[in-house]
Amino acid sequence: MIRRHIIFHGHVQGVGFRYRSAMMANELGLTGWVQNLYDGTVEMEVQGKSLLISRLIRELQNDRYIEITDMECEAMPLKEHEGRFRY
């Protein structure tokens, strides 16, 4: 299990990014949250198996409406009692 803090840059607001992230993350059994930031980026904290987090990001990158141009990613401590992914 790992936890990552990620800032997504690009065309990531107004394209269903948060909704799609939450739907896919919950289907994959990941926990965390996602929110829009005032500068046009999207911030996410996501926790789960590394392979599943990679799959979530890959699916977001392959979405026809979302255009991720850059990501800032850093490791974080795990949160033990987080129940689901929310937006």
Protein backbone atom coordinates (compact mmCIF):
# COMPACT_ATOMS: atom_id res chain seq x y z
CA MET A 1 0.00 0.00 0.00
CA ILE A 2 1.15 3.49 -0.87
CA ARG A 3 -0.31 7.00 -0.72
CA ARG A 4 0.45 9.72 -3.25
CA HIS A 5 -0.27 13.44 -3.44
CA ILE A 6 -0.62 14.45 -7.10
CA ILE A 7 -1.20 17.79 -8.82
CA PHE A 8 -2.48 17.41 -12.40
CA HIS A 9 -1.82 20.17 -14.95
CA GLY A 10 -3.43 20.63 -18.34
CA HIS A 11 -7.06 20.63 -19.46
CA VAL A 12 -8.29 18.99 -16.26
CA GLN A 13 -11.17 21.18 -15.05
CA GLY A 14 -14.64 21.20 -16.58
CA VAL A 15 -14.09 17.82 -18.28
CA GLY A 16 -15.40 15.38 -15.65
CA PHE A 17 -11.97 14.73 -14.14
CA ARG A 18 -13.11 14.59 -10.50
CA TYR A 19 -16.20 12.47 -11.22
CA ARG A 20 -14.25 10.04 -13.42
CA SER A 21 -11.44 9.82 -10.85
CA ALA A 22 -13.86 9.01 -8.04
CA MET A 23 -15.81 6.43 -10.05
CA MET A 24 -12.67 4.61 -11.21
CA ALA A 25 -10.89 4.84 -7.85
CA ASN A 26 -13.87 3.36 -6.02
CA GLU A 27 -14.15 0.57 -8.61
CA LEU A 28 -10.43 -0.20 -8.07
CA GLY A 29 -10.77 -0.14 -4.27
CA LEU A 30 -8.60 2.97 -3.86
CA THR A 31 -9.21 5.60 -1.20
CA GLY A 32 -8.52 9.33 -1.03
CA TRP A 33 -9.96 12.49 -2.54
CA VAL A 34 -9.75 14.87 -5.49
CA GLN A 35 -10.49 18.60 -5.80
CA ASN A 36 -10.16 21.50 -8.23
CA LEU A 37 -7.69 24.23 -7.35
CA TYR A 38 -8.08 27.92 -8.17
CA ASP A 39 -5.13 27.94 -10.56
CA GLY A 40 -6.84 25.47 -12.95
CA THR A 41 -5.04 22.36 -11.69
CA VAL A 42 -6.54 19.36 -9.92
CA GLU A 43 -5.20 18.02 -6.62
CA MET A 44 -5.52 14.38 -5.60
CA GLU A 45 -4.51 12.18 -2.70
CA VAL A 46 -4.86 8.51 -3.54
CA GLN A 47 -4.05 5.41 -1.52
CA GLY A 48 -3.88 1.76 -2.48
CA LYS A 49 -1.75 -0.73 -4.36
CA SER A 50 0.85 0.93 -6.60
CA LEU A 51 -0.31 -1.02 -9.66
CA LEU A 52 -3.92 0.15 -9.17
CA ILE A 53 -2.89 3.79 -8.72
CA SER A 54 -0.90 3.53 -11.95
CA ARG A 55 -3.95 2.07 -13.67
CA LEU A 56 -6.13 4.96 -12.43
CA ILE A 57 -3.67 7.53 -13.78
CA ARG A 58 -3.30 5.69 -17.09
CA GLU A 59 -7.10 5.59 -17.55
CA LEU A 60 -7.33 9.32 -16.81
CA GLN A 61 -4.57 10.02 -19.35
CA ASN A 62 -6.44 7.99 -21.97
CA ASP A 63 -9.77 9.77 -21.46
CA ARG A 64 -10.87 11.60 -24.60
CA TYR A 65 -11.81 14.85 -22.79
CA ILE A 66 -9.02 15.04 -20.20
CA GLU A 67 -5.61 16.32 -21.29
CA ILE A 68 -2.92 15.92 -18.62
CA THR A 69 0.23 17.81 -19.61
CA ASP A 70 2.18 17.41 -16.36
CA MET A 71 1.93 15.82 -12.91
CA GLU A 72 3.65 16.65 -9.64
CA CYS A 73 3.71 13.54 -7.45
CA GLU A 74 5.02 12.94 -3.95
CA ALA A 75 4.81 10.10 -1.43
CA MET A 76 2.74 10.56 1.72
CA PRO A 77 2.15 8.58 4.91
CA LEU A 78 -0.74 6.11 4.78
CA LYS A 79 -4.10 6.99 6.35
CA GLU A 80 -5.46 3.96 8.15
CA HIS A 81 -9.20 4.59 8.47
CA GLU A 82 -10.14 6.07 5.13
CA GLY A 83 -13.22 4.37 3.75
CA ARG A 84 -13.51 5.41 0.11
CA PHE A 85 -12.49 7.89 -2.58
CA ARG A 86 -14.46 11.14 -2.61
CA TYR A 87 -14.74 14.31 -4.66
